[in-house]
């Protein structure tokens, strides 16, 4: 029987910092990838054309191509049947990038988790009580409070308004 294999895709590059990049995968997760570690792990050394990626200014030339990161600034060629050489970009598949990435710790998510925990404790509720009232699970409440899960806006509204009896206000400043 043929298995359906799901290959992750990168939807957006958020930022670069030194040899680290933050990206958004198609599962909605923002994740960071330490490329110094990744390039060493996959065996890129000073003899490889891709070694230029150890330089910040070259590394930051990454572009998003077909759901993965691509560097056209790397001098890499493949041989064709007729003997010609074709220049191709250096790419690392999104599956490898996902494997070597870490969830990005969002300052906003940290604040939301703390706000939910503080409001729950102030109202004298346990995580289980809040979960039952808001229609979620205790595990999910725990993950939110401990910054281990992203939260959908509708779910946040249920937790705040239905579970805690508060009013949710969101502002963009």
N, C-alpha and C. Protein backbone atom coordinates (compact mmCIF):
# COMPACT_ATOMS: atom_id res chain seq x y z
N UNK A 1 0.84 -1.17 0.00
CA UNK A 1 0.00 0.00 0.00
C UNK A 1 0.89 1.24 0.00
N UNK A 2 0.53 2.22 -0.80
CA UNK A 2 1.30 3.45 -0.92
C UNK A 2 0.94 4.41 0.20
N UNK A 3 1.98 4.91 0.88
CA UNK A 3 1.75 5.87 1.97
C UNK A 3 1.73 7.28 1.43
N UNK A 4 0.90 8.09 2.00
CA UNK A 4 0.84 9.50 1.64
C UNK A 4 1.89 10.24 2.47
N UNK A 5 2.95 10.71 1.84
CA UNK A 5 4.02 11.38 2.56
C UNK A 5 3.79 12.88 2.49
N UNK A 6 3.79 13.51 3.64
CA UNK A 6 3.59 14.95 3.70
C UNK A 6 4.95 15.63 3.85
N UNK A 7 5.30 16.41 2.86
CA UNK A 7 6.57 17.12 2.90
C UNK A 7 6.26 18.56 3.31
N UNK A 8 6.93 19.04 4.35
CA UNK A 8 6.67 20.41 4.80
C UNK A 8 7.16 21.42 3.77
N UNK A 9 6.56 22.58 3.80
CA UNK A 9 6.99 23.67 2.93
C UNK A 9 7.19 24.91 3.78
N UNK A 10 8.09 25.74 3.34
CA UNK A 10 8.29 27.03 4.00
C UNK A 10 7.45 28.05 3.26
N UNK A 11 6.66 28.81 4.01
CA UNK A 11 5.80 29.81 3.40
C UNK A 11 6.42 31.20 3.39
N UNK A 12 7.30 31.46 4.37
CA UNK A 12 7.81 32.82 4.51
C UNK A 12 9.12 32.81 5.30
N UNK A 13 10.02 33.70 4.92
CA UNK A 13 11.22 33.95 5.71
C UNK A 13 10.89 35.13 6.62
N UNK A 14 10.99 34.93 7.94
CA UNK A 14 10.70 36.02 8.88
C UNK A 14 11.89 36.96 9.05
N UNK A 15 13.05 36.39 9.36
CA UNK A 15 14.23 37.22 9.62
C UNK A 15 15.50 36.38 9.58
N UNK A 16 16.63 37.09 9.44
CA UNK A 16 17.96 36.49 9.55
C UNK A 16 18.67 37.15 10.72
N UNK A 17 19.46 36.39 11.43
CA UNK A 17 20.31 36.92 12.49
C UNK A 17 21.55 36.05 12.53
N UNK A 18 22.68 36.64 12.13
CA UNK A 18 23.93 35.88 11.98
C UNK A 18 23.66 34.71 11.04
N UNK A 19 23.90 33.48 11.46
CA UNK A 19 23.64 32.32 10.61
C UNK A 19 22.39 31.57 11.06
N UNK A 20 21.45 32.30 11.60
CA UNK A 20 20.17 31.74 12.01
C UNK A 20 19.07 32.41 11.19
N UNK A 21 18.10 31.63 10.80
CA UNK A 21 16.96 32.16 10.05
C UNK A 21 15.68 31.69 10.72
N UNK A 22 14.68 32.56 10.70
CA UNK A 22 13.35 32.21 11.18
C UNK A 22 12.43 32.11 9.98
N UNK A 23 11.69 31.00 9.91
CA UNK A 23 10.77 30.77 8.80
C UNK A 23 9.42 30.33 9.33
N UNK A 24 8.40 30.46 8.48
CA UNK A 24 7.07 29.95 8.80
C UNK A 24 6.83 28.74 7.91
N UNK A 25 6.55 27.59 8.53
CA UNK A 25 6.23 26.38 7.79
C UNK A 25 4.73 26.36 7.49
N UNK A 26 4.32 25.50 6.55
CA UNK A 26 2.92 25.44 6.16
C UNK A 26 2.01 24.87 7.24
N UNK A 27 2.58 24.42 8.36
CA UNK A 27 1.73 24.01 9.48
C UNK A 27 1.44 25.20 10.40
N UNK A 28 1.91 26.39 10.00
CA UNK A 28 1.65 27.61 10.76
C UNK A 28 2.70 27.93 11.80
N UNK A 29 3.65 27.03 11.99
CA UNK A 29 4.67 27.21 13.01
C UNK A 29 5.81 28.08 12.53
N UNK A 30 6.22 29.03 13.36
CA UNK A 30 7.45 29.76 13.11
C UNK A 30 8.57 29.01 13.81
N UNK A 31 9.63 28.73 13.06
CA UNK A 31 10.74 27.95 13.60
C UNK A 31 12.05 28.61 13.21
N UNK A 32 13.07 28.42 14.03
CA UNK A 32 14.40 28.96 13.74
C UNK A 32 15.34 27.82 13.41
N UNK A 33 16.30 28.12 12.53
CA UNK A 33 17.27 27.12 12.10
C UNK A 33 18.66 27.72 12.24
N UNK A 34 19.51 27.04 13.00
CA UNK A 34 20.89 27.44 13.16
C UNK A 34 21.69 26.81 12.02
N UNK A 35 22.03 27.64 11.01
CA UNK A 35 22.67 27.09 9.83
C UNK A 35 24.14 26.75 10.04
N UNK A 36 24.79 27.36 10.98
CA UNK A 36 26.18 26.98 11.25
C UNK A 36 26.20 25.50 11.65
N UNK A 37 25.30 25.15 12.54
CA UNK A 37 25.20 23.76 13.00
C UNK A 37 24.73 22.84 11.86
N UNK A 38 23.73 23.28 11.10
CA UNK A 38 23.18 22.47 10.02
C UNK A 38 24.22 22.22 8.93
N UNK A 39 24.92 23.27 8.50
CA UNK A 39 25.92 23.11 7.43
C UNK A 39 27.04 22.17 7.87
N UNK A 40 27.46 22.29 9.12
CA UNK A 40 28.47 21.37 9.64
C UNK A 40 27.94 19.94 9.67
N UNK A 41 26.70 19.78 10.08
CA UNK A 41 26.08 18.45 10.21
C UNK A 41 25.97 17.74 8.85
N UNK A 42 25.66 18.50 7.79
CA UNK A 42 25.50 17.87 6.48
C UNK A 42 26.82 17.80 5.71
N UNK A 43 27.92 18.21 6.36
CA UNK A 43 29.24 18.00 5.77
C UNK A 43 29.74 19.10 4.86
N UNK A 44 29.25 20.31 5.00
CA UNK A 44 29.76 21.42 4.19
C UNK A 44 31.07 21.89 4.83
N UNK A 45 32.16 21.80 4.07
CA UNK A 45 33.45 22.25 4.58
C UNK A 45 34.01 23.32 3.65
N UNK A 46 35.25 23.78 3.92
CA UNK A 46 35.83 24.89 3.15
C UNK A 46 36.06 24.53 1.69
N UNK A 47 36.04 23.26 1.31
CA UNK A 47 36.22 22.85 -0.08
C UNK A 47 34.91 22.84 -0.87
N UNK A 48 33.81 23.00 -0.19
CA UNK A 48 32.50 22.96 -0.83
C UNK A 48 32.13 24.34 -1.36
N UNK A 49 31.52 24.40 -2.54
CA UNK A 49 31.04 25.70 -3.03
C UNK A 49 30.06 26.36 -2.05
N UNK A 50 29.35 25.55 -1.28
CA UNK A 50 28.37 26.08 -0.32
C UNK A 50 29.03 26.68 0.92
N UNK A 51 30.35 26.56 1.03
CA UNK A 51 31.03 27.11 2.22
C UNK A 51 30.88 28.62 2.33
N UNK A 52 30.53 29.29 1.22
CA UNK A 52 30.32 30.74 1.30
C UNK A 52 29.14 31.08 2.22
N UNK A 53 28.29 30.11 2.48
CA UNK A 53 27.13 30.36 3.34
C UNK A 53 27.52 30.53 4.80
N UNK A 54 28.76 30.25 5.15
CA UNK A 54 29.24 30.53 6.50
C UNK A 54 29.48 32.03 6.69
N UNK A 55 29.43 32.80 5.59
CA UNK A 55 29.56 34.26 5.66
C UNK A 55 28.16 34.86 5.70
N UNK A 56 27.91 35.66 6.70
CA UNK A 56 26.58 36.23 6.95
C UNK A 56 25.99 36.90 5.70
N UNK A 57 26.79 37.71 5.02
CA UNK A 57 26.27 38.47 3.86
C UNK A 57 25.87 37.54 2.71
N UNK A 58 26.52 36.40 2.57
CA UNK A 58 26.15 35.43 1.54
C UNK A 58 24.96 34.58 1.99
N UNK A 59 24.96 34.21 3.25
CA UNK A 59 23.88 33.41 3.82
C UNK A 59 22.54 34.14 3.69
N UNK A 60 22.54 35.45 3.92
CA UNK A 60 21.30 36.23 3.91
C UNK A 60 20.76 36.48 2.51
N UNK A 61 21.41 35.95 1.49
CA UNK A 61 20.90 36.05 0.12
C UNK A 61 19.91 34.93 -0.20
N UNK A 62 19.54 34.18 0.80
CA UNK A 62 18.57 33.08 0.61
C UNK A 62 17.27 33.63 0.07
N UNK A 63 16.68 32.83 -0.81
CA UNK A 63 15.36 33.16 -1.36
C UNK A 63 14.45 31.96 -1.15
N UNK A 64 13.18 32.23 -1.14
CA UNK A 64 12.20 31.17 -1.02
C UNK A 64 11.84 30.68 -2.42
N UNK A 65 12.13 29.40 -2.70
CA UNK A 65 11.83 28.81 -4.01
C UNK A 65 11.12 27.48 -3.78
N UNK A 66 9.91 27.38 -4.28
CA UNK A 66 9.15 26.12 -4.20
C UNK A 66 9.07 25.56 -2.78
N UNK A 67 8.88 26.42 -1.81
CA UNK A 67 8.67 25.98 -0.44
C UNK A 67 9.92 25.60 0.32
N UNK A 68 11.09 25.95 -0.18
CA UNK A 68 12.33 25.67 0.54
C UNK A 68 13.28 26.85 0.36
N UNK A 69 14.39 26.82 1.09
CA UNK A 69 15.36 27.90 0.98
C UNK A 69 16.35 27.58 -0.13
N UNK A 70 16.70 28.61 -0.89
CA UNK A 70 17.53 28.43 -2.06
C UNK A 70 18.55 29.56 -2.13
N UNK A 71 19.80 29.21 -2.51
CA UNK A 71 20.86 30.20 -2.66
C UNK A 71 21.41 30.12 -4.08
N UNK A 72 21.08 31.09 -4.92
CA UNK A 72 21.61 31.11 -6.29
C UNK A 72 23.03 31.66 -6.32
N UNK A 73 23.51 32.22 -5.21
CA UNK A 73 24.86 32.76 -5.14
C UNK A 73 25.93 31.68 -4.93
N UNK A 74 25.53 30.45 -4.72
CA UNK A 74 26.48 29.34 -4.58
C UNK A 74 26.81 28.81 -5.97
N UNK A 75 28.09 28.74 -6.31
CA UNK A 75 28.54 28.24 -7.62
C UNK A 75 28.47 26.72 -7.62
N UNK A 76 27.34 26.22 -8.05
CA UNK A 76 27.10 24.77 -8.05
C UNK A 76 26.55 24.37 -9.41
N UNK A 77 27.11 23.31 -9.99
CA UNK A 77 26.72 22.89 -11.33
C UNK A 77 26.40 21.40 -11.34
N UNK A 78 25.52 21.04 -12.28
CA UNK A 78 25.27 19.63 -12.52
C UNK A 78 25.62 19.35 -13.98
N UNK A 79 26.10 18.15 -14.24
CA UNK A 79 26.45 17.76 -15.61
C UNK A 79 25.24 17.24 -16.35
N UNK A 80 25.12 17.66 -17.59
CA UNK A 80 24.04 17.19 -18.44
C UNK A 80 24.53 16.04 -19.32
N UNK A 81 23.62 15.29 -19.91
CA UNK A 81 23.98 14.15 -20.75
C UNK A 81 24.88 14.55 -21.92
N UNK A 82 24.65 15.75 -22.44
CA UNK A 82 25.44 16.20 -23.60
C UNK A 82 26.80 16.76 -23.19
N UNK A 83 27.14 16.70 -21.90
CA UNK A 83 28.44 17.18 -21.43
C UNK A 83 28.44 18.61 -20.93
N UNK A 84 27.36 19.34 -21.19
CA UNK A 84 27.28 20.73 -20.71
C UNK A 84 27.10 20.75 -19.20
N UNK A 85 27.40 21.89 -18.62
CA UNK A 85 27.21 22.12 -17.19
C UNK A 85 26.06 23.11 -17.01
N UNK A 86 25.20 22.83 -16.06
CA UNK A 86 24.06 23.70 -15.76
C UNK A 86 24.20 24.21 -14.34
N UNK A 87 24.21 25.54 -14.17
CA UNK A 87 24.29 26.13 -12.83
C UNK A 87 22.94 25.96 -12.15
N UNK A 88 22.96 25.45 -10.93
CA UNK A 88 21.73 25.25 -10.16
C UNK A 88 21.93 25.87 -8.78
N UNK A 89 20.85 26.33 -8.17
CA UNK A 89 20.99 26.91 -6.82
C UNK A 89 21.26 25.82 -5.78
N UNK A 90 21.90 26.21 -4.70
CA UNK A 90 22.08 25.32 -3.56
C UNK A 90 20.79 25.36 -2.78
N UNK A 91 20.21 24.22 -2.52
CA UNK A 91 18.96 24.14 -1.77
C UNK A 91 19.07 23.07 -0.69
N UNK A 92 18.38 23.33 0.38
CA UNK A 92 18.24 22.32 1.43
C UNK A 92 16.75 22.09 1.57
N UNK A 93 16.34 20.85 1.44
CA UNK A 93 14.92 20.52 1.47
C UNK A 93 14.24 20.92 2.77
N UNK A 94 12.97 21.26 2.66
CA UNK A 94 12.21 21.70 3.82
C UNK A 94 12.11 20.60 4.88
N UNK A 95 12.16 19.34 4.47
CA UNK A 95 12.11 18.25 5.44
C UNK A 95 13.35 18.27 6.33
N UNK A 96 14.52 18.56 5.74
CA UNK A 96 15.76 18.67 6.51
C UNK A 96 15.70 19.92 7.39
N UNK A 97 15.19 21.01 6.82
CA UNK A 97 15.09 22.25 7.60
C UNK A 97 14.17 22.07 8.80
N UNK A 98 13.07 21.37 8.62
CA UNK A 98 12.15 21.12 9.73
C UNK A 98 12.84 20.28 10.81
N UNK A 99 13.58 19.26 10.37
CA UNK A 99 14.27 18.38 11.32
C UNK A 99 15.29 19.14 12.17
N UNK A 100 15.98 20.11 11.58
CA UNK A 100 17.03 20.84 12.28
C UNK A 100 16.55 22.15 12.91
N UNK A 101 15.26 22.39 12.88
CA UNK A 101 14.74 23.66 13.40
C UNK A 101 14.20 23.51 14.82
N UNK A 102 14.03 24.64 15.45
CA UNK A 102 13.45 24.71 16.79
C UNK A 102 12.26 25.66 16.75
N UNK A 103 11.22 25.39 17.52
CA UNK A 103 10.10 26.34 17.57
C UNK A 103 10.60 27.71 18.03
N UNK A 104 10.14 28.73 17.34
CA UNK A 104 10.54 30.08 17.70
C UNK A 104 9.76 30.52 18.92
N UNK A 105 10.48 31.04 19.89
CA UNK A 105 9.83 31.54 21.09
C UNK A 105 9.34 32.96 20.80
N UNK A 106 8.05 33.09 20.67
CA UNK A 106 7.44 34.37 20.36
C UNK A 106 7.18 35.15 21.64
N UNK A 107 7.61 36.40 21.63
CA UNK A 107 7.38 37.26 22.79
C UNK A 107 5.88 37.41 23.04
N UNK A 108 5.12 37.51 21.95
CA UNK A 108 3.67 37.65 22.09
C UNK A 108 3.06 36.40 22.72
N UNK A 109 3.49 35.20 22.28
CA UNK A 109 2.94 33.98 22.86
C UNK A 109 3.32 33.86 24.33
N UNK A 110 4.53 34.29 24.69
CA UNK A 110 4.93 34.27 26.09
C UNK A 110 4.00 35.15 26.92
N UNK A 111 3.64 36.32 26.38
CA UNK A 111 2.75 37.24 27.08
C UNK A 111 1.34 36.64 27.20
N UNK A 112 0.86 36.03 26.13
CA UNK A 112 -0.48 35.44 26.16
C UNK A 112 -0.54 34.32 27.19
N UNK A 113 0.46 33.45 27.21
CA UNK A 113 0.50 32.36 28.19
C UNK A 113 0.48 32.88 29.61
N UNK A 114 1.27 33.93 29.86
CA UNK A 114 1.33 34.52 31.20
C UNK A 114 0.00 35.17 31.56
N UNK A 115 -0.62 35.87 30.60
CA UNK A 115 -1.92 36.50 30.86
C UNK A 115 -2.99 35.46 31.20
N UNK A 116 -3.02 34.37 30.45
CA UNK A 116 -4.01 33.31 30.71
C UNK A 116 -3.77 32.70 32.09
N UNK A 117 -2.52 32.38 32.41
CA UNK A 117 -2.21 31.78 33.72
C UNK A 117 -2.58 32.74 34.85
N UNK A 118 -2.17 34.02 34.73
CA UNK A 118 -2.46 34.99 35.79
C UNK A 118 -3.96 35.17 35.99
N UNK A 119 -4.71 35.26 34.89
CA UNK A 119 -6.17 35.44 35.00
C UNK A 119 -6.82 34.20 35.60
N UNK A 120 -6.33 33.02 35.22
CA UNK A 120 -6.89 31.77 35.76
C UNK A 120 -6.63 31.69 37.27
N UNK A 121 -5.40 31.97 37.68
CA UNK A 121 -5.07 31.89 39.10
C UNK A 121 -5.84 32.94 39.91
N UNK A 122 -5.97 34.14 39.34
CA UNK A 122 -6.71 35.21 40.03
C UNK A 122 -8.17 34.83 40.25
N UNK A 123 -8.72 34.07 39.28
CA UNK A 123 -10.12 33.66 39.43
C UNK A 123 -10.26 32.38 40.26
N UNK A 124 -9.12 31.81 40.70
CA UNK A 124 -9.15 30.63 41.56
C UNK A 124 -9.47 29.34 40.85
N UNK A 125 -9.25 29.30 39.55
CA UNK A 125 -9.58 28.10 38.77
C UNK A 125 -8.35 27.23 38.57
N UNK A 126 -8.60 25.93 38.43
CA UNK A 126 -7.53 25.02 38.03
C UNK A 126 -7.50 24.99 36.50
N UNK A 127 -6.44 24.42 35.95
CA UNK A 127 -6.37 24.27 34.49
C UNK A 127 -7.52 23.39 34.01
N UNK A 128 -7.84 22.35 34.76
CA UNK A 128 -8.92 21.44 34.38
C UNK A 128 -10.26 22.17 34.35
N UNK A 129 -10.53 22.99 35.37
CA UNK A 129 -11.80 23.74 35.41
C UNK A 129 -11.90 24.69 34.22
N UNK A 130 -10.82 25.41 33.93
CA UNK A 130 -10.83 26.34 32.80
C UNK A 130 -11.03 25.58 31.49
N UNK A 131 -10.40 24.43 31.36
CA UNK A 131 -10.53 23.62 30.14
C UNK A 131 -11.97 23.17 29.93
N UNK A 132 -12.61 22.69 30.98
CA UNK A 132 -13.99 22.20 30.86
C UNK A 132 -14.92 23.34 30.47
N UNK A 133 -14.80 24.47 31.13
CA UNK A 133 -15.69 25.60 30.86
C UNK A 133 -15.48 26.16 29.45
N UNK A 134 -14.23 26.19 29.00
CA UNK A 134 -13.93 26.79 27.69
C UNK A 134 -13.96 25.78 26.54
N UNK A 135 -14.18 24.50 26.84
CA UNK A 135 -14.29 23.50 25.78
C UNK A 135 -12.97 23.07 25.18
N UNK A 136 -11.91 23.12 25.98
CA UNK A 136 -10.61 22.65 25.51
C UNK A 136 -10.15 21.54 26.45
N UNK A 137 -8.87 21.25 26.47
CA UNK A 137 -8.37 20.22 27.38
C UNK A 137 -7.38 20.85 28.37
N UNK A 138 -7.20 20.18 29.50
CA UNK A 138 -6.24 20.67 30.49
C UNK A 138 -4.84 20.71 29.89
N UNK A 139 -4.52 19.71 29.08
CA UNK A 139 -3.21 19.66 28.44
C UNK A 139 -3.00 20.88 27.55
N UNK A 140 -4.03 21.26 26.80
CA UNK A 140 -3.93 22.42 25.91
C UNK A 140 -3.75 23.70 26.72
N UNK A 141 -4.50 23.85 27.81
CA UNK A 141 -4.35 25.03 28.68
C UNK A 141 -2.92 25.07 29.22
N UNK A 142 -2.40 23.94 29.64
CA UNK A 142 -1.03 23.87 30.15
C UNK A 142 -0.02 24.27 29.08
N UNK A 143 -0.21 23.79 27.86
CA UNK A 143 0.69 24.14 26.77
C UNK A 143 0.67 25.64 26.49
N UNK A 144 -0.49 26.24 26.52
CA UNK A 144 -0.60 27.69 26.29
C UNK A 144 0.11 28.44 27.41
N UNK A 145 -0.17 28.06 28.64
CA UNK A 145 0.43 28.76 29.78
C UNK A 145 1.95 28.60 29.83
N UNK A 146 2.45 27.51 29.31
CA UNK A 146 3.89 27.25 29.33
C UNK A 146 4.56 27.51 27.98
N UNK A 147 3.87 28.24 27.11
CA UNK A 147 4.41 28.66 25.82
C UNK A 147 4.88 27.49 24.97
N UNK A 148 4.12 26.41 24.96
CA UNK A 148 4.48 25.24 24.17
C UNK A 148 3.50 25.00 23.03
N UNK A 149 2.59 25.97 22.81
CA UNK A 149 1.63 25.80 21.73
C UNK A 149 1.19 27.17 21.23
N UNK A 150 1.05 27.26 19.91
CA UNK A 150 0.41 28.44 19.35
C UNK A 150 -1.07 28.31 19.64
N UNK A 151 -1.76 29.43 19.54
CA UNK A 151 -3.18 29.41 19.84
C UNK A 151 -3.93 30.15 18.74
N UNK A 152 -5.03 29.56 18.32
CA UNK A 152 -5.87 30.22 17.34
C UNK A 152 -6.69 31.30 18.05
N UNK A 153 -6.97 32.35 17.32
CA UNK A 153 -7.67 33.49 17.89
C UNK A 153 -9.05 33.10 18.44
N UNK A 154 -9.77 32.26 17.72
CA UNK A 154 -11.09 31.84 18.18
C UNK A 154 -11.00 31.04 19.48
N UNK A 155 -9.96 30.21 19.60
CA UNK A 155 -9.76 29.43 20.83
C UNK A 155 -9.38 30.35 21.98
N UNK A 156 -8.53 31.32 21.72
CA UNK A 156 -8.16 32.30 22.76
C UNK A 156 -9.40 33.04 23.24
N UNK A 157 -10.26 33.43 22.31
CA UNK A 157 -11.50 34.12 22.67
C UNK A 157 -12.36 33.23 23.57
N UNK A 158 -12.49 31.94 23.23
CA UNK A 158 -13.27 31.01 24.07
C UNK A 158 -12.69 30.91 25.47
N UNK A 159 -11.38 30.80 25.56
CA UNK A 159 -10.74 30.65 26.87
C UNK A 159 -10.94 31.92 27.70
N UNK A 160 -10.72 33.07 27.10
CA UNK A 160 -10.81 34.34 27.83
C UNK A 160 -12.26 34.69 28.15
N UNK A 161 -13.13 34.66 27.15
CA UNK A 161 -14.50 35.12 27.35
C UNK A 161 -15.40 34.07 28.00
N UNK A 162 -15.38 32.86 27.49
CA UNK A 162 -16.24 31.81 28.04
C UNK A 162 -15.64 31.22 29.31
N UNK A 163 -14.36 30.87 29.25
CA UNK A 163 -13.73 30.21 30.40
C UNK A 163 -13.46 31.12 31.57
N UNK A 164 -12.91 32.30 31.29
CA UNK A 164 -12.52 33.21 32.38
C UNK A 164 -13.53 34.33 32.63
N UNK A 165 -14.52 34.46 31.74
CA UNK A 165 -15.52 35.51 31.92
C UNK A 165 -14.96 36.91 31.73
N UNK A 166 -13.91 37.04 30.98
CA UNK A 166 -13.28 38.34 30.71
C UNK A 166 -13.59 38.75 29.28
N UNK A 167 -13.20 39.96 28.92
CA UNK A 167 -13.38 40.46 27.56
C UNK A 167 -12.02 40.47 26.86
N UNK A 168 -11.95 39.93 25.66
CA UNK A 168 -10.71 39.90 24.89
C UNK A 168 -10.64 41.14 24.01
N UNK A 169 -9.55 41.85 24.13
CA UNK A 169 -9.28 43.02 23.29
C UNK A 169 -7.94 42.81 22.61
N UNK A 170 -7.92 43.07 21.31
CA UNK A 170 -6.66 42.95 20.58
C UNK A 170 -6.43 44.27 19.86
N UNK A 171 -5.20 44.76 19.97
CA UNK A 171 -4.85 46.01 19.31
C UNK A 171 -3.59 45.83 18.50
N UNK A 172 -3.51 46.53 17.40
CA UNK A 172 -2.29 46.59 16.60
C UNK A 172 -1.74 48.00 16.77
N UNK A 173 -0.53 48.08 17.28
CA UNK A 173 0.08 49.41 17.52
C UNK A 173 1.32 49.61 16.68
